[in-house]
């Protein structure tokens, strides 16, 4: 986790984007089920980026 600053920043950004969109829609009362799937996808992608390696790391643990 947090093996590369580039994937970490992208992951945190995706998580914040999804969570922020959910919070905004709930606060405005415009929340729909279809938007939940898109926001959930952004959050899951962000978590995947947090645990991802950079392209130049092969096998083993990233340094």
Protein backbone atom coordinates (compact mmCIF):
# COMPACT_ATOMS: atom_id res chain seq x y z
CA UNK A 1 0.00 0.00 0.00
CA UNK A 2 1.27 3.49 -0.84
CA UNK A 3 4.12 2.01 -2.89
CA UNK A 4 4.26 4.86 -5.38
CA UNK A 5 3.25 8.48 -4.96
CA UNK A 6 1.64 8.66 -8.42
CA UNK A 7 -0.76 5.77 -7.91
CA UNK A 8 -1.43 6.89 -4.34
CA UNK A 9 -2.43 10.40 -5.43
CA UNK A 10 -4.64 9.02 -8.20
CA UNK A 11 -6.27 6.56 -5.80
CA UNK A 12 -6.98 9.19 -3.15
CA UNK A 13 -8.35 11.50 -5.82
CA UNK A 14 -10.73 8.82 -7.14
CA UNK A 15 -11.95 7.97 -3.64
CA UNK A 16 -12.53 11.63 -2.78
CA UNK A 17 -14.31 12.20 -6.09
CA UNK A 18 -16.72 9.31 -5.52
CA UNK A 19 -17.36 10.15 -1.88
CA UNK A 20 -17.76 13.84 -2.62
CA UNK A 21 -20.28 13.15 -5.35
CA UNK A 22 -22.30 10.91 -3.05
CA UNK A 23 -22.26 13.53 -0.28
CA UNK A 24 -23.27 16.34 -2.65
CA UNK A 25 -26.18 14.39 -4.11
CA UNK A 26 -27.44 13.29 -0.70
CA UNK A 27 -27.23 16.87 0.61
CA UNK A 28 -29.12 18.22 -2.42
CA UNK A 29 -31.69 15.41 -2.36
CA UNK A 30 -30.90 14.40 -5.95
CA UNK A 31 -29.41 11.00 -5.20
CA UNK A 32 -30.41 8.14 -7.52
CA UNK A 33 -29.45 4.48 -7.64
CA UNK A 34 -27.68 4.75 -11.00
CA UNK A 35 -25.28 7.34 -9.65
CA UNK A 36 -24.46 5.07 -6.74
CA UNK A 37 -23.01 2.48 -9.10
CA UNK A 38 -20.77 5.04 -10.81
CA UNK A 39 -19.59 6.47 -7.50
CA UNK A 40 -19.00 3.02 -6.06
CA UNK A 41 -16.92 2.19 -9.14
CA UNK A 42 -14.78 5.29 -8.60
CA UNK A 43 -14.20 4.37 -4.96
CA UNK A 44 -13.27 0.77 -5.80
CA UNK A 45 -10.89 1.96 -8.52
CA UNK A 46 -9.29 4.33 -6.03
CA UNK A 47 -8.73 1.53 -3.54
CA UNK A 48 -7.20 -0.55 -6.33
CA UNK A 49 -4.83 2.28 -7.16
CA UNK A 50 -3.76 2.57 -3.53
CA UNK A 51 -2.65 -1.07 -3.56
CA UNK A 52 -1.26 -1.00 -7.12
CA UNK A 53 2.40 -1.02 -8.13
CA UNK A 54 3.99 1.34 -10.57
CA UNK A 55 4.69 0.18 -14.14
CA UNK A 56 8.44 -0.12 -13.55
CA UNK A 57 8.15 -2.51 -10.57
CA UNK A 58 8.34 -6.22 -11.44
CA UNK A 59 7.42 -8.93 -8.97
CA UNK A 60 8.08 -8.95 -5.26
CA UNK A 61 7.52 -5.97 -3.07
CA UNK A 62 7.74 -2.45 -4.41
CA UNK A 63 10.35 -0.27 -2.80
